[in-house]
N, C-alpha and C. Protein backbone atom coordinates (compact mmCIF):
# COMPACT_ATOMS: atom_id res chain seq x y z
N UNK A 1 -117.84 45.31 131.25
CA UNK A 1 -117.55 46.33 131.80
C UNK A 1 -116.15 46.15 132.38
N UNK A 2 -115.75 47.41 132.74
CA UNK A 2 -114.35 47.45 133.40
C UNK A 2 -114.44 48.38 134.62
N UNK A 3 -113.81 48.23 135.67
CA UNK A 3 -113.64 49.02 136.73
C UNK A 3 -112.01 49.20 137.10
N UNK A 4 -111.35 50.48 137.03
CA UNK A 4 -109.93 50.45 137.22
C UNK A 4 -109.77 51.04 138.55
N UNK A 5 -109.06 50.12 139.47
CA UNK A 5 -108.71 50.58 140.80
C UNK A 5 -108.06 51.80 140.87
N UNK A 6 -107.95 52.35 141.86
CA UNK A 6 -106.96 53.70 142.09
C UNK A 6 -105.70 53.58 141.77
N UNK A 7 -105.23 52.35 142.09
CA UNK A 7 -103.59 52.21 141.86
C UNK A 7 -103.36 52.09 140.32
N UNK A 8 -104.44 51.77 139.61
CA UNK A 8 -104.38 51.68 138.18
C UNK A 8 -104.51 53.19 137.46
N UNK A 9 -105.45 53.99 138.14
CA UNK A 9 -105.65 55.31 137.70
C UNK A 9 -104.31 56.21 137.91
N UNK A 10 -103.70 55.90 139.02
CA UNK A 10 -102.70 56.72 139.42
C UNK A 10 -101.48 56.29 138.53
N UNK A 11 -101.18 55.00 138.28
CA UNK A 11 -100.33 54.55 137.24
C UNK A 11 -100.61 55.19 135.81
N UNK A 12 -101.77 55.36 135.50
CA UNK A 12 -102.03 55.82 134.33
C UNK A 12 -101.85 57.46 134.19
N UNK A 13 -102.26 58.06 135.26
CA UNK A 13 -102.13 59.59 135.35
C UNK A 13 -100.52 59.93 135.24
N UNK A 14 -99.74 59.05 136.04
CA UNK A 14 -98.29 59.36 136.17
C UNK A 14 -97.40 58.90 135.03
N UNK A 15 -98.27 58.11 134.08
CA UNK A 15 -97.40 57.53 132.89
C UNK A 15 -96.26 56.64 133.42
N UNK A 16 -96.69 55.87 134.31
CA UNK A 16 -95.76 55.15 135.00
C UNK A 16 -95.58 53.68 134.33
N UNK A 17 -94.71 52.93 134.92
CA UNK A 17 -94.33 51.69 134.26
C UNK A 17 -95.53 50.80 133.86
N UNK A 18 -96.70 50.75 134.37
CA UNK A 18 -97.89 49.86 134.19
C UNK A 18 -98.92 50.60 133.52
N UNK A 19 -98.57 51.74 133.12
CA UNK A 19 -99.72 52.76 132.68
C UNK A 19 -100.23 52.09 131.37
N UNK A 20 -99.65 51.34 130.53
CA UNK A 20 -100.09 50.73 129.21
C UNK A 20 -100.82 49.74 129.56
N UNK A 21 -100.89 49.08 130.68
CA UNK A 21 -101.56 47.94 131.07
C UNK A 21 -103.00 48.36 131.38
N UNK A 22 -103.08 49.51 131.87
CA UNK A 22 -104.51 50.19 132.35
C UNK A 22 -105.15 50.89 131.25
N UNK A 23 -104.34 51.33 130.11
CA UNK A 23 -104.89 52.28 129.32
C UNK A 23 -106.07 51.86 128.52
N UNK A 24 -106.10 50.42 128.00
CA UNK A 24 -107.09 49.99 127.37
C UNK A 24 -108.61 50.10 128.17
N UNK A 25 -108.50 49.64 129.46
CA UNK A 25 -109.59 49.81 130.11
C UNK A 25 -110.20 51.20 130.42
N UNK A 26 -109.14 52.14 130.66
CA UNK A 26 -109.46 53.53 131.02
C UNK A 26 -110.08 54.12 129.96
N UNK A 27 -109.56 54.11 128.60
CA UNK A 27 -109.70 54.75 127.31
C UNK A 27 -110.92 54.25 126.83
N UNK A 28 -111.28 52.92 126.95
CA UNK A 28 -112.88 52.54 126.51
C UNK A 28 -113.85 52.85 127.34
N UNK A 29 -114.15 54.04 127.22
CA UNK A 29 -115.08 54.92 128.23
C UNK A 29 -116.47 54.20 128.10
N UNK A 30 -116.96 53.68 127.01
CA UNK A 30 -118.22 52.89 126.88
C UNK A 30 -118.42 51.74 127.58
N UNK A 31 -117.27 51.26 128.06
CA UNK A 31 -117.20 49.92 128.82
C UNK A 31 -116.88 50.22 130.35
N UNK A 32 -116.55 51.41 130.75
CA UNK A 32 -115.85 51.77 131.85
C UNK A 32 -116.77 52.31 132.98
N UNK A 33 -116.79 51.72 134.15
CA UNK A 33 -117.30 52.09 135.37
C UNK A 33 -116.42 52.62 136.47
N UNK A 34 -116.93 53.78 137.29
CA UNK A 34 -115.99 54.36 138.23
C UNK A 34 -116.65 54.43 139.45
N UNK A 35 -116.31 53.82 140.61
CA UNK A 35 -116.72 53.97 141.85
C UNK A 35 -116.53 55.25 142.31
N UNK A 36 -117.72 55.88 142.97
CA UNK A 36 -117.33 57.19 143.72
C UNK A 36 -116.20 57.05 144.81
N UNK A 37 -115.79 55.80 145.20
CA UNK A 37 -114.60 55.55 146.18
C UNK A 37 -113.60 55.90 145.55
N UNK A 38 -113.12 55.40 144.16
CA UNK A 38 -112.13 55.79 143.30
C UNK A 38 -111.98 57.43 143.26
N UNK A 39 -113.14 57.99 142.91
CA UNK A 39 -113.04 59.47 142.74
C UNK A 39 -112.55 60.26 144.09
N UNK A 40 -113.15 59.63 145.22
CA UNK A 40 -112.55 60.03 146.50
C UNK A 40 -111.04 60.01 146.57
N UNK A 41 -110.57 58.66 146.34
CA UNK A 41 -108.93 58.34 146.44
C UNK A 41 -108.27 59.02 145.43
N UNK A 42 -108.50 59.15 144.31
CA UNK A 42 -107.69 59.77 143.18
C UNK A 42 -107.73 61.35 143.41
N UNK A 43 -109.06 61.99 143.74
CA UNK A 43 -108.77 63.52 143.94
C UNK A 43 -107.94 63.76 145.25
N UNK A 44 -108.20 63.02 146.32
CA UNK A 44 -107.31 63.49 147.57
C UNK A 44 -105.76 63.18 147.19
N UNK A 45 -105.41 62.06 146.66
CA UNK A 45 -104.15 61.77 146.37
C UNK A 45 -103.67 62.69 145.35
N UNK A 46 -104.16 63.32 144.36
CA UNK A 46 -103.56 64.33 143.35
C UNK A 46 -103.64 65.76 143.96
N UNK A 47 -104.46 66.08 144.92
CA UNK A 47 -104.77 67.30 145.51
C UNK A 47 -103.47 67.35 146.55
N UNK A 48 -103.24 66.49 147.34
CA UNK A 48 -102.11 66.33 148.09
C UNK A 48 -100.73 66.44 147.53
N UNK A 49 -100.44 65.66 146.46
CA UNK A 49 -99.37 65.63 145.75
C UNK A 49 -99.12 66.73 144.70
N UNK A 50 -100.09 67.28 144.17
CA UNK A 50 -100.10 68.30 143.04
C UNK A 50 -100.74 69.44 143.52
N UNK A 51 -102.12 69.76 143.09
CA UNK A 51 -102.87 70.77 143.22
C UNK A 51 -104.11 70.61 142.85
N UNK A 52 -105.13 71.45 143.33
CA UNK A 52 -106.71 71.34 142.83
C UNK A 52 -106.94 71.14 141.40
N UNK A 53 -106.29 71.98 140.61
CA UNK A 53 -106.62 71.95 139.11
C UNK A 53 -106.18 70.77 138.56
N UNK A 54 -105.05 70.30 139.12
CA UNK A 54 -104.69 68.80 138.34
C UNK A 54 -105.53 67.73 138.92
N UNK A 55 -105.94 67.70 140.18
CA UNK A 55 -107.02 66.89 140.70
C UNK A 55 -108.28 67.00 139.87
N UNK A 56 -108.93 68.19 139.53
CA UNK A 56 -110.04 68.40 138.94
C UNK A 56 -109.87 67.82 137.52
N UNK A 57 -108.81 67.91 136.92
CA UNK A 57 -108.70 67.41 135.50
C UNK A 57 -108.61 65.98 135.55
N UNK A 58 -108.04 65.25 136.62
CA UNK A 58 -108.32 63.94 136.69
C UNK A 58 -109.52 63.34 136.84
N UNK A 59 -110.15 64.01 137.64
CA UNK A 59 -111.67 63.64 137.87
C UNK A 59 -112.47 63.77 136.61
N UNK A 60 -112.12 64.85 135.66
CA UNK A 60 -112.79 64.98 134.66
C UNK A 60 -112.78 63.86 133.84
N UNK A 61 -111.40 63.43 133.67
CA UNK A 61 -111.31 62.08 132.89
C UNK A 61 -112.07 60.94 133.38
N UNK A 62 -112.12 60.75 134.67
CA UNK A 62 -112.81 59.72 135.34
C UNK A 62 -114.43 59.66 134.97
N UNK A 63 -114.83 60.91 135.01
CA UNK A 63 -116.26 61.00 134.83
C UNK A 63 -116.63 60.70 133.22
N UNK A 64 -115.67 60.48 132.53
CA UNK A 64 -116.06 59.87 130.99
C UNK A 64 -116.43 58.66 131.22
N UNK A 65 -116.19 57.79 132.24
CA UNK A 65 -116.94 56.58 132.43
C UNK A 65 -118.27 56.72 133.27
N UNK A 66 -119.06 55.78 133.50
CA UNK A 66 -120.20 55.83 134.19
C UNK A 66 -119.75 55.69 135.72
N UNK A 67 -120.33 56.67 136.35
CA UNK A 67 -120.06 56.80 137.84
C UNK A 67 -121.13 56.08 138.69
N UNK A 68 -120.59 55.27 139.37
CA UNK A 68 -121.57 54.40 140.23
C UNK A 68 -121.55 54.75 141.79
N UNK A 69 -122.60 55.26 142.20
CA UNK A 69 -122.52 55.64 143.74
C UNK A 69 -122.52 54.33 144.65
N UNK A 70 -122.00 54.69 145.78
CA UNK A 70 -122.22 53.58 146.77
C UNK A 70 -123.52 53.40 147.59
N UNK A 71 -124.19 52.41 147.25
CA UNK A 71 -125.59 52.23 147.77
C UNK A 71 -125.45 51.64 149.14
N UNK A 72 -126.63 51.37 149.62
CA UNK A 72 -126.63 50.77 150.93
C UNK A 72 -126.53 49.21 150.73
N UNK A 73 -126.95 48.66 149.63
CA UNK A 73 -126.86 47.32 149.18
C UNK A 73 -125.26 47.08 149.09
N UNK A 74 -124.56 48.09 148.35
CA UNK A 74 -123.16 47.69 147.99
C UNK A 74 -122.48 47.70 149.41
N UNK A 75 -122.82 48.66 150.34
CA UNK A 75 -122.25 48.85 151.60
C UNK A 75 -122.42 47.51 152.44
N UNK A 76 -123.49 47.06 152.40
CA UNK A 76 -123.69 45.71 153.21
C UNK A 76 -123.14 44.47 152.74
N UNK A 77 -123.11 44.35 151.59
CA UNK A 77 -122.26 43.28 150.70
C UNK A 77 -120.66 43.49 150.96
N UNK A 78 -120.51 44.79 150.91
CA UNK A 78 -118.99 45.00 151.05
C UNK A 78 -118.55 44.72 152.44
N UNK A 79 -119.36 45.10 153.42
CA UNK A 79 -119.12 44.77 154.89
C UNK A 79 -119.03 43.29 155.07
N UNK A 80 -119.81 42.44 154.38
CA UNK A 80 -119.59 40.92 154.47
C UNK A 80 -118.29 40.63 153.99
N UNK A 81 -118.03 41.08 152.69
CA UNK A 81 -116.81 40.75 152.20
C UNK A 81 -115.50 41.06 153.04
N UNK A 82 -115.56 42.25 153.62
CA UNK A 82 -114.37 42.73 154.54
C UNK A 82 -114.40 41.99 155.85
N UNK A 83 -115.42 41.50 156.24
CA UNK A 83 -115.57 40.67 157.63
C UNK A 83 -114.90 39.31 157.18
N UNK A 84 -115.40 38.67 156.24
CA UNK A 84 -115.04 37.29 155.86
C UNK A 84 -113.48 37.04 155.40
N UNK A 85 -112.92 38.26 154.70
CA UNK A 85 -111.84 38.28 153.91
C UNK A 85 -110.76 39.05 154.55
N UNK A 86 -111.07 40.00 155.42
CA UNK A 86 -109.98 41.01 155.76
C UNK A 86 -109.81 42.05 154.89
N UNK A 87 -110.48 42.38 153.90
CA UNK A 87 -110.27 43.37 152.91
C UNK A 87 -110.67 44.52 153.47
N UNK A 88 -109.70 45.63 153.26
CA UNK A 88 -110.13 47.00 153.68
C UNK A 88 -111.51 47.58 153.33
N UNK A 89 -111.98 48.61 153.90
CA UNK A 89 -113.40 49.06 153.68
C UNK A 89 -113.45 49.54 152.18
N UNK A 90 -112.47 50.37 151.75
CA UNK A 90 -112.55 51.10 150.49
C UNK A 90 -112.42 50.01 149.40
N UNK A 91 -111.40 49.10 149.42
CA UNK A 91 -111.36 47.88 148.40
C UNK A 91 -112.63 47.11 148.28
N UNK A 92 -113.16 46.86 149.61
CA UNK A 92 -114.46 46.05 149.62
C UNK A 92 -115.60 46.64 148.92
N UNK A 93 -115.66 47.96 149.14
CA UNK A 93 -116.62 48.72 148.36
C UNK A 93 -116.56 48.76 146.93
N UNK A 94 -115.15 48.89 146.43
CA UNK A 94 -114.87 48.96 145.07
C UNK A 94 -115.14 47.58 144.31
N UNK A 95 -114.67 46.47 145.10
CA UNK A 95 -114.90 45.33 144.59
C UNK A 95 -116.38 44.87 144.33
N UNK A 96 -117.19 45.32 145.37
CA UNK A 96 -118.65 44.79 145.54
C UNK A 96 -119.31 45.75 144.12
N UNK A 97 -118.84 47.02 144.08
CA UNK A 97 -119.43 47.73 142.96
C UNK A 97 -119.21 47.11 141.42
N UNK A 98 -117.77 46.81 141.43
CA UNK A 98 -117.51 45.91 140.33
C UNK A 98 -118.45 44.68 139.84
N UNK A 99 -118.62 43.86 141.01
CA UNK A 99 -119.36 42.58 140.91
C UNK A 99 -120.89 43.08 140.65
N UNK A 100 -121.48 43.98 141.22
CA UNK A 100 -122.94 44.30 140.97
C UNK A 100 -122.99 44.75 139.56
N UNK A 101 -121.85 45.21 138.90
CA UNK A 101 -121.98 45.96 137.58
C UNK A 101 -121.45 44.91 136.46
N UNK A 102 -121.16 43.59 136.95
CA UNK A 102 -120.41 42.69 136.05
C UNK A 102 -119.35 43.20 135.41
N UNK A 103 -118.63 43.89 136.19
CA UNK A 103 -117.17 44.47 135.66
C UNK A 103 -116.07 43.72 136.15
N UNK A 104 -114.97 43.72 135.37
CA UNK A 104 -113.60 43.29 135.72
C UNK A 104 -113.00 44.43 136.39
N UNK A 105 -112.09 44.12 137.35
CA UNK A 105 -111.46 44.99 138.03
C UNK A 105 -109.87 44.97 137.73
N UNK A 106 -109.47 46.13 137.33
CA UNK A 106 -107.92 46.20 136.77
C UNK A 106 -107.22 46.81 137.90
N UNK A 107 -106.32 46.10 138.52
CA UNK A 107 -105.43 46.63 139.57
C UNK A 107 -104.06 46.30 139.83
N UNK A 108 -103.37 47.02 140.66
CA UNK A 108 -102.00 46.20 141.17
C UNK A 108 -102.12 46.28 142.43
N UNK A 109 -103.26 46.44 143.25
CA UNK A 109 -103.48 46.35 144.66
C UNK A 109 -103.57 44.96 145.04
N UNK A 110 -102.66 44.45 145.92
CA UNK A 110 -102.66 42.96 146.48
C UNK A 110 -103.82 42.57 147.08
N UNK A 111 -104.67 43.74 147.82
CA UNK A 111 -105.86 43.21 148.29
C UNK A 111 -107.03 42.37 147.41
N UNK A 112 -106.93 42.81 146.03
CA UNK A 112 -107.65 42.14 145.15
C UNK A 112 -107.18 40.80 144.38
N UNK A 113 -105.82 40.52 144.55
CA UNK A 113 -105.15 39.55 143.82
C UNK A 113 -105.70 38.37 143.70
N UNK A 114 -106.42 37.59 144.59
CA UNK A 114 -107.01 36.52 144.67
C UNK A 114 -108.66 36.37 144.34
N UNK A 115 -109.08 37.46 144.24
CA UNK A 115 -110.55 37.55 144.08
C UNK A 115 -110.98 37.28 142.59
N UNK A 116 -112.18 36.74 142.27
CA UNK A 116 -112.62 36.43 141.03
C UNK A 116 -112.94 37.77 140.34
N UNK A 117 -112.67 37.64 139.14
CA UNK A 117 -113.09 39.01 138.20
C UNK A 117 -112.05 39.83 138.44
N UNK A 118 -110.83 39.71 138.55
CA UNK A 118 -109.81 40.68 138.81
C UNK A 118 -108.75 40.63 137.85
N UNK A 119 -108.28 41.41 137.12
CA UNK A 119 -107.17 41.51 136.37
C UNK A 119 -106.00 42.26 137.29
N UNK A 120 -104.90 41.42 137.61
CA UNK A 120 -103.94 41.96 138.57
C UNK A 120 -102.63 42.18 137.77
N UNK A 121 -101.69 43.08 138.11
CA UNK A 121 -100.42 42.96 137.69
C UNK A 121 -99.65 43.60 138.66
N UNK A 122 -98.58 42.98 138.97
CA UNK A 122 -97.52 43.21 139.91
C UNK A 122 -96.98 44.73 139.59
N UNK A 123 -97.01 45.62 140.67
CA UNK A 123 -96.46 46.95 140.57
C UNK A 123 -94.97 46.78 140.52
């Protein structure tokens, strides 16, 4: 399973420098999970930078994967991770969502760089 962090989704949607790195994980929808936190982050960023229709189109693509809600179990484990490693709340929730679903995180966010189960590329 794969979980693409918001930085990867934004890179893919913008067809930016690292878009091809994230494409295999995003386009293999049978192996793709999506955190509800990623949906929030992507929708908000595209809404602010573009418009609602573009944001909705992006979210529709994300919904081709399996959407995973943030549960109380994920929240508690993410809080532990955040307290121990100083990782921001959203990143902790995304990371624990991936771990609970045996997924690899694809990212260019340095908060994930040294964690297990992460494929990191420099932005």
